[in-house]
Amino acid sequence: MNIQVKDSFNLLSEPNLFFLKDALCPNQVKNVLKQSFPDIINNNVLSSIQVIRYKAKKRCLIEYQFKGEEEFSLLGKVRFKGTDTKSYYLQNYLWENGFDDHSLDTVSVPQPIGVIPQWKMWLQRKVPGYTTTLLLGKPDGIDLAEKIAYAAYKLHKFPAKTDHYHTIDNELHILYEKLPLVIELYPYWKSRIRAILKECDRLGKSLSYIPSIGIHRDFYADQIIINHSRLYLLDLDLYCYGDPSLDIGNFIAHITEYSLRVLGDFQVLQDREIALQEAFIQLTGEESRKRIMIYKFLTLVRHIYISTKIKERNAYTEDLIRLCESYLEIDG
């Protein structure tokens, strides 16, 4: 059988990625997977290998597709500085404690398969389905938003352990570091961006202390796959202790930014944003409302910087500045 290998990023041209040579060699892949995970491979055969994502000097994602008794894919998550075993063990812990394919509340994580240290890789089963980015605008988008609120709440209530923390000071530090880079590119926006940063500082300092719990920290629509009625949480690489309202504020801000950039009106999915917020507040209490609003604003401010780093988004930088300005406190 001819096994197709597709590496559109030409990883093996990078001298420091020599360790991936075997990970892209069909015979080596078959041998390693058969030896390490015989129950998963079983009577299925490898049909293709494809590098589907690459971030220079940091990580890549390789898909291994199988055919036979069933068709499925395994995703190999590679971190160049060393295998991300913490993310693997976290996902495995979740899978074994209420987040598997048969959880009664239909909130899950993809099945973790194992670690291949020599490739700096850990494997999970690929979940078929659609990201919520594609589904929130559908007629049942409000119901989906409410379920997303529950999914976040379930993760927040789970007692997984981590040695990473993300505080409001960390969140503000990111903005203090990145927004001056926007000023360097567009000095004529200096006063506007400084006013926005001043509001970020004011809002951040207004937050009262709450105990930190486990949060996703990179929670937005592309991080959730919907497979029929089941919802899968993806990419827990940044899981840490923090403020649970950060996840909801971050998710809502991404909806707003997507609506502005792709749908032409930042309010077009506002009913979904409200449904998500209110469902989460119903689960956690009214005190979450202000915190969600603040984290939404801080995330929108961060998108000002992100828009300058992605060519296709450059045209929306000033629109985001204008949107953030609309949230500024008006002093009497």
C-alpha atoms as a PDB file:
ATOM      1  CA  MET A   1       0.000   0.000   0.000  1.00  0.00           C
ATOM      2  CA  ASN A   2       1.325   3.406  -0.997  1.00  0.00           C
ATOM      3  CA  ILE A   3       1.366   5.593   2.105  1.00  0.00           C
ATOM      4  CA  GLN A   4       1.185   9.296   1.357  1.00  0.00           C
ATOM      5  CA  VAL A   5       3.417  11.623   3.373  1.00  0.00           C
ATOM      6  CA  LYS A   6       2.570  15.319   3.137  1.00  0.00           C
ATOM      7  CA  ASP A   7       4.845  17.873   4.792  1.00  0.00           C
ATOM      8  CA  SER A   8       3.924  21.221   3.264  1.00  0.00           C
ATOM      9  CA  PHE A   9       6.041  22.973   5.930  1.00  0.00           C
ATOM     10  CA  ASN A  10       9.177  21.009   4.931  1.00  0.00           C
ATOM     11  CA  LEU A  11      10.031  20.289   8.557  1.00  0.00           C
ATOM     12  CA  LEU A  12      13.005  18.104   7.777  1.00  0.00           C
ATOM     13  CA  SER A  13      14.802  21.021   6.148  1.00  0.00           C
ATOM     14  CA  GLU A  14      15.231  22.419   9.676  1.00  0.00           C
ATOM     15  CA  PRO A  15      18.440  20.937  11.192  1.00  0.00           C
ATOM     16  CA  ASN A  16      17.076  21.087  14.738  1.00  0.00           C
ATOM     17  CA  LEU A  17      14.067  18.974  13.767  1.00  0.00           C
ATOM     18  CA  PHE A  18      16.097  15.928  12.745  1.00  0.00           C
ATOM     19  CA  PHE A  19      14.354  13.921  15.475  1.00  0.00           C
ATOM     20  CA  LEU A  20      11.139  14.023  13.396  1.00  0.00           C
ATOM     21  CA  LYS A  21      12.665  12.044  10.533  1.00  0.00           C
ATOM     22  CA  ASP A  22      11.266   8.766  11.844  1.00  0.00           C
ATOM     23  CA  ALA A  23       7.947  10.418  12.766  1.00  0.00           C
ATOM     24  CA  LEU A  24       7.468  11.135   9.043  1.00  0.00           C
ATOM     25  CA  CYS A  25       8.736   7.753   7.806  1.00  0.00           C
ATOM     26  CA  PRO A  26       5.844   5.298   7.239  1.00  0.00           C
ATOM     27  CA  ASN A  27       7.822   2.166   8.123  1.00  0.00           C
ATOM     28  CA  GLN A  28       9.187   3.668  11.325  1.00  0.00           C
ATOM     29  CA  VAL A  29       5.770   5.001  12.288  1.00  0.00           C
ATOM     30  CA  LYS A  30       4.162   1.604  11.763  1.00  0.00           C
ATOM     31  CA  ASN A  31       6.815  -0.130  13.837  1.00  0.00           C
ATOM     32  CA  VAL A  32       6.721   2.333  16.731  1.00  0.00           C
ATOM     33  CA  LEU A  33       2.934   2.537  16.935  1.00  0.00           C
ATOM     34  CA  LYS A  34       2.460  -1.199  16.623  1.00  0.00           C
ATOM     35  CA  GLN A  35       5.003  -1.808  19.371  1.00  0.00           C
ATOM     36  CA  SER A  36       3.791   0.941  21.702  1.00  0.00           C
ATOM     37  CA  PHE A  37       0.026   0.916  21.135  1.00  0.00           C
ATOM     38  CA  PRO A  38      -0.984  -2.479  19.672  1.00  0.00           C
ATOM     39  CA  ASP A  39      -4.530  -2.307  21.060  1.00  0.00           C
ATOM     40  CA  ILE A  40      -5.146   1.004  19.294  1.00  0.00           C
ATOM     41  CA  ILE A  41      -3.667   0.028  15.949  1.00  0.00           C
ATOM     42  CA  ASN A  42      -5.104  -3.507  16.074  1.00  0.00           C
ATOM     43  CA  ASN A  43      -6.055  -4.640  12.530  1.00  0.00           C
ATOM     44  CA  ASN A  44      -5.937  -1.185  10.991  1.00  0.00           C
ATOM     45  CA  VAL A  45      -3.225  -0.018   8.612  1.00  0.00           C
ATOM     46  CA  LEU A  46      -1.508   3.339   8.272  1.00  0.00           C
ATOM     47  CA  SER A  47      -2.734   5.132   5.145  1.00  0.00           C
ATOM     48  CA  SER A  48      -1.287   8.654   5.331  1.00  0.00           C
ATOM     49  CA  ILE A  49       0.914  11.028   7.316  1.00  0.00           C
ATOM     50  CA  GLN A  50       0.381  14.778   7.176  1.00  0.00           C
ATOM     51  CA  VAL A  51       1.869  17.746   9.005  1.00  0.00           C
ATOM     52  CA  ILE A  52      -1.218  19.885   9.535  1.00  0.00           C
ATOM     53  CA  ARG A  53       0.131  22.659  11.756  1.00  0.00           C
ATOM     54  CA  TYR A  54       3.512  24.227  12.420  1.00  0.00           C
ATOM     55  CA  LYS A  55       4.698  27.096  14.578  1.00  0.00           C
ATOM     56  CA  ALA A  56       8.346  27.906  13.965  1.00  0.00           C
ATOM     57  CA  LYS A  57      10.722  27.039  16.820  1.00  0.00           C
ATOM     58  CA  LYS A  58       7.832  25.879  19.016  1.00  0.00           C
ATOM     59  CA  ARG A  59       5.592  23.029  17.924  1.00  0.00           C
ATOM     60  CA  CYS A  60       3.855  21.113  15.176  1.00  0.00           C
ATOM     61  CA  LEU A  61       0.904  18.764  14.755  1.00  0.00           C
ATOM     62  CA  ILE A  62       1.101  15.566  12.718  1.00  0.00           C
ATOM     63  CA  GLU A  63      -1.923  13.523  11.678  1.00  0.00           C
ATOM     64  CA  TYR A  64      -1.653   9.752  11.209  1.00  0.00           C
ATOM     65  CA  GLN A  65      -4.621   8.330   9.329  1.00  0.00           C
ATOM     66  CA  PHE A  66      -5.609   4.659   9.510  1.00  0.00           C
ATOM     67  CA  LYS A  67      -7.935   2.443   7.490  1.00  0.00           C
ATOM     68  CA  GLY A  68      -9.167  -1.091   8.034  1.00  0.00           C
ATOM     69  CA  GLU A  69     -11.791  -2.283  10.497  1.00  0.00           C
ATOM     70  CA  GLU A  70     -12.424   1.395  11.189  1.00  0.00           C
ATOM     71  CA  GLU A  71     -11.187   4.700   9.819  1.00  0.00           C
ATOM     72  CA  PHE A  72      -9.629   7.020  12.358  1.00  0.00           C
ATOM     73  CA  SER A  73      -6.742   9.405  12.864  1.00  0.00           C
ATOM     74  CA  LEU A  74      -4.239   9.984  15.633  1.00  0.00           C
ATOM     75  CA  LEU A  75      -2.860  13.460  16.212  1.00  0.00           C
ATOM     76  CA  GLY A  76       0.762  13.719  17.286  1.00  0.00           C
ATOM     77  CA  LYS A  77       1.381  16.903  19.278  1.00  0.00           C
ATOM     78  CA  VAL A  78       5.084  17.791  19.118  1.00  0.00           C
ATOM     79  CA  ARG A  79       6.772  20.422  21.282  1.00  0.00           C
ATOM     80  CA  PHE A  80      10.286  21.103  20.067  1.00  0.00           C
ATOM     81  CA  LYS A  81      11.821  21.928  23.452  1.00  0.00           C
ATOM     82  CA  GLY A  82      10.610  18.602  24.873  1.00  0.00           C
ATOM     83  CA  THR A  83       7.544  16.402  25.167  1.00  0.00           C
ATOM     84  CA  ASP A  84       4.627  18.182  26.818  1.00  0.00           C
ATOM     85  CA  THR A  85       3.948  15.363  29.254  1.00  0.00           C
ATOM     86  CA  LYS A  86       2.016  17.646  31.613  1.00  0.00           C
ATOM     87  CA  SER A  87      -0.676  18.224  28.990  1.00  0.00           C
ATOM     88  CA  TYR A  88      -0.805  14.503  28.247  1.00  0.00           C
ATOM     89  CA  TYR A  89      -1.197  13.498  31.896  1.00  0.00           C
ATOM     90  CA  LEU A  90      -3.784  16.212  32.491  1.00  0.00           C
ATOM     91  CA  GLN A  91      -5.867  15.058  29.541  1.00  0.00           C
ATOM     92  CA  ASN A  92      -5.497  11.438  30.573  1.00  0.00           C
ATOM     93  CA  TYR A  93      -6.629  12.313  34.103  1.00  0.00           C
ATOM     94  CA  LEU A  94      -9.669  14.126  32.740  1.00  0.00           C
ATOM     95  CA  TRP A  95     -10.468  11.243  30.376  1.00  0.00           C
ATOM     96  CA  GLU A  96     -10.399   8.756  33.250  1.00  0.00           C
ATOM     97  CA  ASN A  97     -12.512  10.955  35.550  1.00  0.00           C
ATOM     98  CA  GLY A  98     -15.685  11.949  33.766  1.00  0.00           C
ATOM     99  CA  PHE A  99     -14.526  13.420  30.457  1.00  0.00           C
ATOM    100  CA  ASP A 100     -14.473  10.266  28.294  1.00  0.00           C
ATOM    101  CA  ASP A 101     -16.610   9.455  25.245  1.00  0.00           C
ATOM    102  CA  HIS A 102     -19.431   8.145  27.441  1.00  0.00           C
ATOM    103  CA  SER A 103     -19.807  10.921  30.012  1.00  0.00           C
ATOM    104  CA  LEU A 104     -23.515  11.374  30.722  1.00  0.00           C
ATOM    105  CA  ASP A 105     -23.346  15.164  30.398  1.00  0.00           C
ATOM    106  CA  THR A 106     -21.814  14.800  26.884  1.00  0.00           C
ATOM    107  CA  VAL A 107     -18.805  16.988  27.739  1.00  0.00           C
ATOM    108  CA  SER A 108     -15.521  15.230  26.942  1.00  0.00           C
ATOM    109  CA  VAL A 109     -11.894  15.532  25.928  1.00  0.00           C
ATOM    110  CA  PRO A 110     -10.318  13.585  23.036  1.00  0.00           C
ATOM    111  CA  GLN A 111      -8.952  10.191  24.048  1.00  0.00           C
ATOM    112  CA  PRO A 112      -5.251  10.455  24.954  1.00  0.00           C
ATOM    113  CA  ILE A 113      -3.234   7.551  23.554  1.00  0.00           C
ATOM    114  CA  GLY A 114       0.303   7.852  24.878  1.00  0.00           C
ATOM    115  CA  VAL A 115       3.736   9.435  24.689  1.00  0.00           C
ATOM    116  CA  ILE A 116       6.560   8.902  22.177  1.00  0.00           C
ATOM    117  CA  PRO A 117       9.517  10.631  23.877  1.00  0.00           C
ATOM    118  CA  GLN A 118      12.003  10.203  21.012  1.00  0.00           C
ATOM    119  CA  TRP A 119       9.703  12.285  18.800  1.00  0.00           C
ATOM    120  CA  LYS A 120       8.916  14.778  21.613  1.00  0.00           C
ATOM    121  CA  MET A 121       5.296  13.830  20.947  1.00  0.00           C
ATOM    122  CA  TRP A 122       2.138  12.752  22.658  1.00  0.00           C
ATOM    123  CA  LEU A 123      -0.812  11.281  20.811  1.00  0.00           C
ATOM    124  CA  GLN A 124      -4.559  11.686  21.019  1.00  0.00           C
ATOM    125  CA  ARG A 125      -7.392  10.330  18.905  1.00  0.00           C
ATOM    126  CA  LYS A 126      -8.728  12.897  16.435  1.00  0.00           C
ATOM    127  CA  VAL A 127     -12.344  13.822  17.077  1.00  0.00           C
ATOM    128  CA  PRO A 128     -14.531  14.160  13.966  1.00  0.00           C
ATOM    129  CA  GLY A 129     -16.973  17.040  13.956  1.00  0.00           C
ATOM    130  CA  TYR A 130     -17.142  20.818  13.638  1.00  0.00           C
ATOM    131  CA  THR A 131     -15.660  23.652  15.653  1.00  0.00           C
ATOM    132  CA  THR A 132     -18.132  25.876  17.438  1.00  0.00           C
ATOM    133  CA  THR A 133     -16.852  28.760  15.300  1.00  0.00           C
ATOM    134  CA  LEU A 134     -18.844  27.224  12.448  1.00  0.00           C
ATOM    135  CA  LEU A 135     -21.900  26.399  14.549  1.00  0.00           C
ATOM    136  CA  LEU A 136     -22.564  29.365  16.831  1.00  0.00           C
ATOM    137  CA  GLY A 137     -24.280  31.264  14.022  1.00  0.00           C
ATOM    138  CA  LYS A 138     -26.680  28.399  13.303  1.00  0.00           C
ATOM    139  CA  PRO A 139     -30.302  28.460  14.550  1.00  0.00           C
ATOM    140  CA  ASP A 140     -29.427  26.424  17.669  1.00  0.00           C
ATOM    141  CA  GLY A 141     -26.445  28.658  18.484  1.00  0.00           C
ATOM    142  CA  ILE A 142     -27.998  29.955  21.708  1.00  0.00           C
ATOM    143  CA  ASP A 143     -28.453  26.424  23.058  1.00  0.00           C
ATOM    144  CA  LEU A 144     -24.864  25.680  22.074  1.00  0.00           C
ATOM    145  CA  ALA A 145     -23.618  28.796  23.884  1.00  0.00           C
ATOM    146  CA  GLU A 146     -25.372  27.672  27.062  1.00  0.00           C
ATOM    147  CA  LYS A 147     -23.768  24.242  26.793  1.00  0.00           C
ATOM    148  CA  ILE A 148     -20.343  25.852  26.345  1.00  0.00           C
ATOM    149  CA  ALA A 149     -20.910  27.705  29.629  1.00  0.00           C
ATOM    150  CA  TYR A 150     -21.600  24.387  31.336  1.00  0.00           C
ATOM    151  CA  ALA A 151     -18.510  22.790  29.752  1.00  0.00           C
ATOM    152  CA  ALA A 152     -16.305  25.548  31.150  1.00  0.00           C
ATOM    153  CA  TYR A 153     -17.988  25.217  34.547  1.00  0.00           C
ATOM    154  CA  LYS A 154     -17.396  21.450  34.548  1.00  0.00           C
ATOM    155  CA  LEU A 155     -13.699  21.942  33.809  1.00  0.00           C
ATOM    156  CA  HIS A 156     -13.425  24.632  36.491  1.00  0.00           C
ATOM    157  CA  LYS A 157     -14.982  22.351  39.097  1.00  0.00           C
ATOM    158  CA  PHE A 158     -12.635  19.477  38.328  1.00  0.00           C
ATOM    159  CA  PRO A 159      -9.807  19.074  40.874  1.00  0.00           C
ATOM    160  CA  ALA A 160      -6.912  18.624  38.456  1.00  0.00           C
ATOM    161  CA  LYS A 161      -3.509  19.778  39.704  1.00  0.00           C
ATOM    162  CA  THR A 162      -1.084  22.160  38.005  1.00  0.00           C
ATOM    163  CA  ASP A 163       1.935  24.184  39.048  1.00  0.00           C
ATOM    164  CA  HIS A 164       1.051  27.076  36.711  1.00  0.00           C
ATOM    165  CA  TYR A 165      -0.830  30.221  37.745  1.00  0.00           C
ATOM    166  CA  HIS A 166      -2.249  33.090  35.700  1.00  0.00           C
ATOM    167  CA  THR A 167      -3.257  36.200  37.627  1.00  0.00           C
ATOM    168  CA  ILE A 168      -4.722  39.533  36.610  1.00  0.00           C
ATOM    169  CA  ASP A 169      -1.193  40.936  36.895  1.00  0.00           C
ATOM    170  CA  ASN A 170      -0.030  38.366  34.321  1.00  0.00           C
ATOM    171  CA  GLU A 171      -2.910  39.329  32.051  1.00  0.00           C
ATOM    172  CA  LEU A 172      -2.064  43.028  32.307  1.00  0.00           C
ATOM    173  CA  HIS A 173       1.641  42.352  31.786  1.00  0.00           C
ATOM    174  CA  ILE A 174       0.864  40.810  28.391  1.00  0.00           C
ATOM    175  CA  LEU A 175      -0.928  43.996  27.354  1.00  0.00           C
ATOM    176  CA  TYR A 176       1.807  46.288  28.711  1.00  0.00           C
ATOM    177  CA  GLU A 177       4.311  44.253  26.699  1.00  0.00           C
ATOM    178  CA  LYS A 178       2.396  43.955  23.419  1.00  0.00           C
ATOM    179  CA  LEU A 179       0.458  47.211  22.973  1.00  0.00           C
ATOM    180  CA  PRO A 180       3.612  49.417  22.868  1.00  0.00           C
ATOM    181  CA  LEU A 181       4.618  47.344  19.827  1.00  0.00           C
ATOM    182  CA  VAL A 182       1.456  48.550  18.125  1.00  0.00           C
ATOM    183  CA  ILE A 183       2.447  52.136  18.950  1.00  0.00           C
ATOM    184  CA  GLU A 184       5.818  51.515  17.293  1.00  0.00           C
ATOM    185  CA  LEU A 185       4.019  50.458  14.117  1.00  0.00           C
ATOM    186  CA  TYR A 186       1.372  53.186  14.280  1.00  0.00           C
ATOM    187  CA  PRO A 187       2.729  56.134  16.314  1.00  0.00           C
ATOM    188  CA  TYR A 188      -0.287  58.287  15.359  1.00  0.00           C
ATOM    189  CA  TRP A 189      -2.441  56.007  17.568  1.00  0.00           C
ATOM    190  CA  LYS A 190      -0.227  56.535  20.598  1.00  0.00           C
ATOM    191  CA  SER A 191      -2.625  58.588  22.700  1.00  0.00           C
ATOM    192  CA  ARG A 192      -5.578  56.325  21.871  1.00  0.00           C
ATOM    193  CA  ILE A 193      -3.724  53.164  22.821  1.00  0.00           C
ATOM    194  CA  ARG A 194      -2.363  54.711  25.995  1.00  0.00           C
ATOM    195  CA  ALA A 195      -5.907  55.658  27.022  1.00  0.00           C
ATOM    196  CA  ILE A 196      -7.014  52.079  26.434  1.00  0.00           C
ATOM    197  CA  LEU A 197      -4.093  50.734  28.482  1.00  0.00           C
ATOM    198  CA  LYS A 198      -4.974  53.125  31.294  1.00  0.00           C
ATOM    199  CA  GLU A 199      -8.492  51.680  31.342  1.00  0.00           C
ATOM    200  CA  CYS A 200      -7.066  48.151  31.380  1.00  0.00           C
ATOM    201  CA  ASP A 201      -5.050  49.072  34.440  1.00  0.00           C
ATOM    202  CA  ARG A 202      -8.054  50.625  36.178  1.00  0.00           C
ATOM    203  CA  LEU A 203     -10.282  47.629  35.506  1.00  0.00           C
ATOM    204  CA  GLY A 204      -7.622  45.127  36.508  1.00  0.00           C
ATOM    205  CA  LYS A 205      -7.048  46.864  39.834  1.00  0.00           C
ATOM    206  CA  SER A 206     -10.790  46.944  40.492  1.00  0.00           C
ATOM    207  CA  LEU A 207     -11.025  43.156  40.630  1.00  0.00           C
ATOM    208  CA  SER A 208     -11.431  41.754  44.118  1.00  0.00           C
ATOM    209  CA  TYR A 209      -9.483  38.673  45.176  1.00  0.00           C
ATOM    210  CA  ILE A 210     -11.011  35.247  44.586  1.00  0.00           C
ATOM    211  CA  PRO A 211      -9.342  31.849  45.049  1.00  0.00           C
ATOM    212  CA  SER A 212      -7.767  30.491  41.868  1.00  0.00           C
ATOM    213  CA  ILE A 213      -9.099  27.269  40.342  1.00  0.00           C
ATOM    214  CA  GLY A 214      -8.194  25.249  37.251  1.00  0.00           C
ATOM    215  CA  ILE A 215      -9.027  27.068  34.007  1.00  0.00           C
ATOM    216  CA  HIS A 216      -8.463  26.429  30.308  1.00  0.00           C
ATOM    217  CA  ARG A 217      -6.867  29.875  29.759  1.00  0.00           C
ATOM    218  CA  ASP A 218      -7.129  29.694  25.957  1.00  0.00           C
ATOM    219  CA  PHE A 219     -10.870  29.170  25.747  1.00  0.00           C
ATOM    220  CA  TYR A 220     -12.479  30.201  22.457  1.00  0.00           C
ATOM    221  CA  ALA A 221     -14.648  28.700  19.737  1.00  0.00           C
ATOM    222  CA  ASP A 222     -11.932  26.832  17.815  1.00  0.00           C
ATOM    223  CA  GLN A 223     -11.018  24.983  21.017  1.00  0.00           C
ATOM    224  CA  ILE A 224     -14.303  23.064  21.038  1.00  0.00           C
ATOM    225  CA  ILE A 225     -15.370  20.331  18.633  1.00  0.00           C
ATOM    226  CA  ILE A 226     -19.020  19.310  18.363  1.00  0.00           C
ATOM    227  CA  ASN A 227     -19.636  15.693  17.340  1.00  0.00           C
ATOM    228  CA  HIS A 228     -23.404  15.171  17.171  1.00  0.00           C
ATOM    229  CA  SER A 229     -24.558  16.122  20.686  1.00  0.00           C
ATOM    230  CA  ARG A 230     -21.138  15.658  22.319  1.00  0.00           C
ATOM    231  CA  LEU A 231     -18.808  18.565  23.037  1.00  0.00           C
ATOM    232  CA  TYR A 232     -15.031  18.061  23.169  1.00  0.00           C
ATOM    233  CA  LEU A 233     -12.619  20.457  24.868  1.00  0.00           C
ATOM    234  CA  LEU A 234      -9.336  20.800  22.959  1.00  0.00           C
ATOM    235  CA  ASP A 235      -5.808  22.088  23.592  1.00  0.00           C
ATOM    236  CA  LEU A 236      -5.398  22.228  27.343  1.00  0.00           C
ATOM    237  CA  ASP A 237      -1.729  23.207  26.969  1.00  0.00           C
ATOM    238  CA  LEU A 238      -2.208  26.438  28.954  1.00  0.00           C
ATOM    239  CA  TYR A 239      -4.302  24.893  31.745  1.00  0.00           C
ATOM    240  CA  CYS A 240      -3.486  26.661  34.990  1.00  0.00           C
ATOM    241  CA  TYR A 241      -4.918  28.068  38.194  1.00  0.00           C
ATOM    242  CA  GLY A 242      -6.694  31.344  37.600  1.00  0.00           C
ATOM    243  CA  ASP A 243      -9.981  33.241  37.562  1.00  0.00           C
ATOM    244  CA  PRO A 244     -12.755  31.153  35.919  1.00  0.00           C
ATOM    245  CA  SER A 245     -14.366  34.305  34.528  1.00  0.00           C
ATOM    246  CA  LEU A 246     -11.267  34.745  32.339  1.00  0.00           C
ATOM    247  CA  ASP A 247     -12.325  31.745  30.236  1.00  0.00           C
ATOM    248  CA  ILE A 248     -15.806  33.143  29.631  1.00  0.00           C
ATOM    249  CA  GLY A 249     -14.662  36.715  29.004  1.00  0.00           C
ATOM    250  CA  ASN A 250     -12.017  35.408  26.599  1.00  0.00           C
ATOM    251  CA  PHE A 251     -14.555  33.264  24.735  1.00  0.00           C
ATOM    252  CA  ILE A 252     -17.058  36.111  24.417  1.00  0.00           C
ATOM    253  CA  ALA A 253     -14.368  38.531  23.182  1.00  0.00           C
ATOM    254  CA  HIS A 254     -13.354  36.052  20.495  1.00  0.00           C
ATOM    255  CA  ILE A 255     -16.985  35.874  19.350  1.00  0.00           C
ATOM    256  CA  THR A 256     -17.089  39.680  19.180  1.00  0.00           C
ATOM    257  CA  GLU A 257     -13.815  39.887  17.242  1.00  0.00           C
ATOM    258  CA  TYR A 258     -14.924  37.129  14.839  1.00  0.00           C
ATOM    259  CA  SER A 259     -18.264  38.885  14.285  1.00  0.00           C
ATOM    260  CA  LEU A 260     -16.484  42.150  13.485  1.00  0.00           C
ATOM    261  CA  ARG A 261     -13.844  40.648  11.204  1.00  0.00           C
ATOM    262  CA  VAL A 262     -15.774  37.900   9.420  1.00  0.00           C
ATOM    263  CA  LEU A 263     -19.448  38.817   9.693  1.00  0.00           C
ATOM    264  CA  GLY A 264     -19.038  42.588   9.367  1.00  0.00           C
ATOM    265  CA  ASP A 265     -20.819  43.588  12.584  1.00  0.00           C
ATOM    266  CA  PHE A 266     -19.441  43.035  16.079  1.00  0.00           C
ATOM    267  CA  GLN A 267     -22.988  42.677  17.468  1.00  0.00           C
ATOM    268  CA  VAL A 268     -24.287  40.071  15.037  1.00  0.00           C
ATOM    269  CA  LEU A 269     -23.815  37.180  17.517  1.00  0.00           C
ATOM    270  CA  GLN A 270     -24.509  39.234  20.618  1.00  0.00           C
ATOM    271  CA  ASP A 271     -27.449  37.031  21.629  1.00  0.00           C
ATOM    272  CA  ARG A 272     -25.001  34.082  21.736  1.00  0.00           C
ATOM    273  CA  GLU A 273     -22.599  36.105  23.867  1.00  0.00           C
ATOM    274  CA  ILE A 274     -25.388  37.008  26.289  1.00  0.00           C
ATOM    275  CA  ALA A 275     -26.607  33.405  26.464  1.00  0.00           C
ATOM    276  CA  LEU A 276     -23.095  32.185  27.284  1.00  0.00           C
ATOM    277  CA  GLN A 277     -22.579  34.858  29.924  1.00  0.00           C
ATOM    278  CA  GLU A 278     -25.960  34.414  31.604  1.00  0.00           C
ATOM    279  CA  ALA A 279     -25.708  30.617  31.669  1.00  0.00           C
ATOM    280  CA  PHE A 280     -22.315  30.861  33.358  1.00  0.00           C
ATOM    281  CA  ILE A 281     -23.554  33.456  35.855  1.00  0.00           C
ATOM    282  CA  GLN A 282     -26.486  31.197  36.697  1.00  0.00           C
ATOM    283  CA  LEU A 283     -23.981  28.452  37.534  1.00  0.00           C
ATOM    284  CA  THR A 284     -21.481  30.588  39.434  1.00  0.00           C
ATOM    285  CA  GLY A 285     -23.327  33.587  40.829  1.00  0.00           C
ATOM    286  CA  GLU A 286     -23.911  37.236  40.000  1.00  0.00           C
ATOM    287  CA  GLU A 287     -20.416  38.245  41.150  1.00  0.00           C
ATOM    288  CA  SER A 288     -19.065  36.737  37.912  1.00  0.00           C
ATOM    289  CA  ARG A 289     -20.757  39.392  35.769  1.00  0.00           C
ATOM    290  CA  LYS A 290     -18.273  42.213  36.366  1.00  0.00           C
ATOM    291  CA  ARG A 291     -15.305  39.859  36.087  1.00  0.00           C
ATOM    292  CA  ILE A 292     -16.485  38.494  32.731  1.00  0.00           C
ATOM    293  CA  MET A 293     -16.922  42.050  31.410  1.00  0.00           C
ATOM    294  CA  ILE A 294     -13.406  42.989  32.453  1.00  0.00           C
ATOM    295  CA  TYR A 295     -11.768  39.927  30.924  1.00  0.00           C
ATOM    296  CA  LYS A 296     -13.765  40.428  27.728  1.00  0.00           C
ATOM    297  CA  PHE A 297     -12.389  43.963  27.462  1.00  0.00           C
ATOM    298  CA  LEU A 298      -8.809  42.886  28.175  1.00  0.00           C
ATOM    299  CA  THR A 299      -9.065  40.180  25.516  1.00  0.00           C
ATOM    300  CA  LEU A 300     -10.400  42.641  22.939  1.00  0.00           C
ATOM    301  CA  VAL A 301      -7.453  44.902  23.721  1.00  0.00           C
ATOM    302  CA  ARG A 302      -5.091  41.980  23.168  1.00  0.00           C
ATOM    303  CA  HIS A 303      -6.743  41.464  19.769  1.00  0.00           C
ATOM    304  CA  ILE A 304      -5.539  44.920  18.753  1.00  0.00           C
ATOM    305  CA  TYR A 305      -1.998  43.558  18.928  1.00  0.00           C
ATOM    306  CA  ILE A 306      -2.929  40.207  17.348  1.00  0.00           C
ATOM    307  CA  SER A 307      -4.462  42.018  14.378  1.00  0.00           C
ATOM    308  CA  THR A 308      -1.091  43.621  13.598  1.00  0.00           C
ATOM    309  CA  LYS A 309       0.659  40.226  13.529  1.00  0.00           C
ATOM    310  CA  ILE A 310      -1.673  38.480  11.070  1.00  0.00           C
ATOM    311  CA  LYS A 311      -1.672  40.004   7.603  1.00  0.00           C
ATOM    312  CA  GLU A 312      -5.291  39.137   6.890  1.00  0.00           C
ATOM    313  CA  ARG A 313      -6.357  41.017  10.030  1.00  0.00           C
ATOM    314  CA  ASN A 314      -4.344  44.214   9.545  1.00  0.00           C
ATOM    315  CA  ALA A 315      -7.329  46.011   8.056  1.00  0.00           C
ATOM    316  CA  TYR A 316      -9.281  45.593  11.310  1.00  0.00           C
ATOM    317  CA  THR A 317      -6.772  47.089  13.757  1.00  0.00           C
ATOM    318  CA  GLU A 318      -8.389  50.508  13.935  1.00  0.00           C
ATOM    319  CA  ASP A 319     -11.861  48.948  14.091  1.00  0.00           C
ATOM    320  CA  LEU A 320     -10.721  47.077  17.206  1.00  0.00           C
ATOM    321  CA  ILE A 321      -9.243  50.256  18.692  1.00  0.00           C
ATOM    322  CA  ARG A 322     -12.537  52.011  18.062  1.00  0.00           C
ATOM    323  CA  LEU A 323     -14.459  49.126  19.618  1.00  0.00           C
ATOM    324  CA  CYS A 324     -12.276  49.163  22.729  1.00  0.00           C
ATOM    325  CA  GLU A 325     -12.665  52.928  22.975  1.00  0.00           C
ATOM    326  CA  SER A 326     -16.430  52.459  23.081  1.00  0.00           C
ATOM    327  CA  TYR A 327     -15.973  50.623  26.392  1.00  0.00           C
ATOM    328  CA  LEU A 328     -13.861  53.352  27.988  1.00  0.00           C
ATOM    329  CA  GLU A 329     -15.111  54.888  31.202  1.00  0.00           C
ATOM    330  CA  ILE A 330     -16.558  58.371  30.612  1.00  0.00           C
ATOM    331  CA  ASP A 331     -15.657  60.646  33.478  1.00  0.00           C
ATOM    332  CA  GLY A 332     -18.005  63.458  34.323  1.00  0.00           C
END
